[in-house]
């Protein structure tokens, strides 16, 4: 995977990079049917609202074999 400005077309978890005060900040978000659900808050918006930001994902969940117990 790599950072891209292409907006997500698949549902899943993504890192979203945006600039705040000229510095990059990163947030883990869940994309579901074009809606961005911010982790840890009730904030939602559309993928299209993030045109000039960078995305990393969708993140692959760990395999079942990697779970303990």
C-alpha atoms as a PDB file:
ATOM      1  CA  UNK A   1       0.000   0.000   0.000  1.00  0.00           C
ATOM      2  CA  UNK A   2       0.985   3.594  -0.396  1.00  0.00           C
ATOM      3  CA  UNK A   3      -0.387   7.078   0.287  1.00  0.00           C
ATOM      4  CA  UNK A   4      -2.579   8.402  -2.520  1.00  0.00           C
ATOM      5  CA  UNK A   5      -4.867  11.326  -3.271  1.00  0.00           C
ATOM      6  CA  UNK A   6      -7.295   8.952  -5.010  1.00  0.00           C
ATOM      7  CA  UNK A   7     -10.464   8.768  -2.961  1.00  0.00           C
ATOM      8  CA  UNK A   8     -11.480   5.335  -1.627  1.00  0.00           C
ATOM      9  CA  UNK A   9     -13.900   3.257  -3.663  1.00  0.00           C
ATOM     10  CA  UNK A  10     -13.885   0.231  -1.322  1.00  0.00           C
ATOM     11  CA  UNK A  11     -15.323   0.087   2.176  1.00  0.00           C
ATOM     12  CA  UNK A  12     -12.782  -0.393   4.947  1.00  0.00           C
ATOM     13  CA  UNK A  13     -10.452   1.292   7.403  1.00  0.00           C
ATOM     14  CA  UNK A  14      -8.085   3.958   6.080  1.00  0.00           C
ATOM     15  CA  UNK A  15      -5.516   6.375   7.387  1.00  0.00           C
ATOM     16  CA  UNK A  16      -6.473   9.899   6.346  1.00  0.00           C
ATOM     17  CA  UNK A  17      -3.804  12.602   6.202  1.00  0.00           C
ATOM     18  CA  UNK A  18      -4.796  16.243   6.324  1.00  0.00           C
ATOM     19  CA  UNK A  19      -2.849  19.416   6.994  1.00  0.00           C
ATOM     20  CA  UNK A  20      -3.668  21.447  10.097  1.00  0.00           C
ATOM     21  CA  UNK A  21      -1.683  24.648  10.479  1.00  0.00           C
ATOM     22  CA  UNK A  22       0.627  23.470   7.698  1.00  0.00           C
ATOM     23  CA  UNK A  23       1.511  20.247   9.543  1.00  0.00           C
ATOM     24  CA  UNK A  24       0.240  16.810   8.507  1.00  0.00           C
ATOM     25  CA  UNK A  25      -2.090  15.072  10.941  1.00  0.00           C
ATOM     26  CA  UNK A  26      -3.285  11.487  10.649  1.00  0.00           C
ATOM     27  CA  UNK A  27      -6.611   9.970  11.606  1.00  0.00           C
ATOM     28  CA  UNK A  28      -7.946   6.431  11.351  1.00  0.00           C
ATOM     29  CA  UNK A  29     -11.353   6.419   9.645  1.00  0.00           C
ATOM     30  CA  UNK A  30     -13.877   3.832   8.504  1.00  0.00           C
ATOM     31  CA  UNK A  31     -15.307   4.288   5.002  1.00  0.00           C
ATOM     32  CA  UNK A  32     -18.748   2.736   4.500  1.00  0.00           C
ATOM     33  CA  UNK A  33     -20.623   3.285   1.220  1.00  0.00           C
ATOM     34  CA  UNK A  34     -18.894   6.612   0.577  1.00  0.00           C
ATOM     35  CA  UNK A  35     -19.381   7.916   4.121  1.00  0.00           C
ATOM     36  CA  UNK A  36     -16.327   8.617   6.294  1.00  0.00           C
ATOM     37  CA  UNK A  37     -16.850   7.657   9.932  1.00  0.00           C
ATOM     38  CA  UNK A  38     -14.285   9.270  12.195  1.00  0.00           C
ATOM     39  CA  UNK A  39     -12.942   6.948  14.886  1.00  0.00           C
ATOM     40  CA  UNK A  40     -13.597   8.161  18.427  1.00  0.00           C
ATOM     41  CA  UNK A  41     -16.158  10.797  17.518  1.00  0.00           C
ATOM     42  CA  UNK A  42     -19.614  11.135  16.038  1.00  0.00           C
ATOM     43  CA  UNK A  43     -18.309  13.189  13.109  1.00  0.00           C
ATOM     44  CA  UNK A  44     -19.320  11.862   9.685  1.00  0.00           C
ATOM     45  CA  UNK A  45     -18.882  13.256   6.189  1.00  0.00           C
ATOM     46  CA  UNK A  46     -18.612  12.048   2.616  1.00  0.00           C
ATOM     47  CA  UNK A  47     -15.459  10.796   0.920  1.00  0.00           C
ATOM     48  CA  UNK A  48     -15.948  13.570  -1.655  1.00  0.00           C
ATOM     49  CA  UNK A  49     -15.490  16.162   1.140  1.00  0.00           C
ATOM     50  CA  UNK A  50     -11.806  15.102   1.355  1.00  0.00           C
ATOM     51  CA  UNK A  51     -10.634  15.836  -2.191  1.00  0.00           C
ATOM     52  CA  UNK A  52      -7.182  17.251  -1.401  1.00  0.00           C
ATOM     53  CA  UNK A  53      -6.207  14.832   1.337  1.00  0.00           C
ATOM     54  CA  UNK A  54      -4.149  11.682   1.213  1.00  0.00           C
ATOM     55  CA  UNK A  55      -5.447   8.175   1.935  1.00  0.00           C
ATOM     56  CA  UNK A  56      -3.721   4.955   2.970  1.00  0.00           C
ATOM     57  CA  UNK A  57      -5.728   1.769   2.760  1.00  0.00           C
ATOM     58  CA  UNK A  58      -7.934  -0.125   2.923  1.00  0.00           C
ATOM     59  CA  UNK A  59      -6.130  -1.729   5.831  1.00  0.00           C
ATOM     60  CA  UNK A  60      -6.059  -5.517   5.871  1.00  0.00           C
ATOM     61  CA  UNK A  61      -7.275  -7.061   9.129  1.00  0.00           C
ATOM     62  CA  UNK A  62      -4.933  -9.533  10.807  1.00  0.00           C
ATOM     63  CA  UNK A  63      -5.321 -13.195   9.952  1.00  0.00           C
ATOM     64  CA  UNK A  64      -7.186 -15.476  12.347  1.00  0.00           C
ATOM     65  CA  UNK A  65      -3.935 -17.371  12.925  1.00  0.00           C
ATOM     66  CA  UNK A  66      -2.374 -14.237  14.451  1.00  0.00           C
ATOM     67  CA  UNK A  67      -4.934 -14.090  17.280  1.00  0.00           C
ATOM     68  CA  UNK A  68      -3.893 -15.413  20.664  1.00  0.00           C
ATOM     69  CA  UNK A  69      -5.995 -17.910  22.579  1.00  0.00           C
END
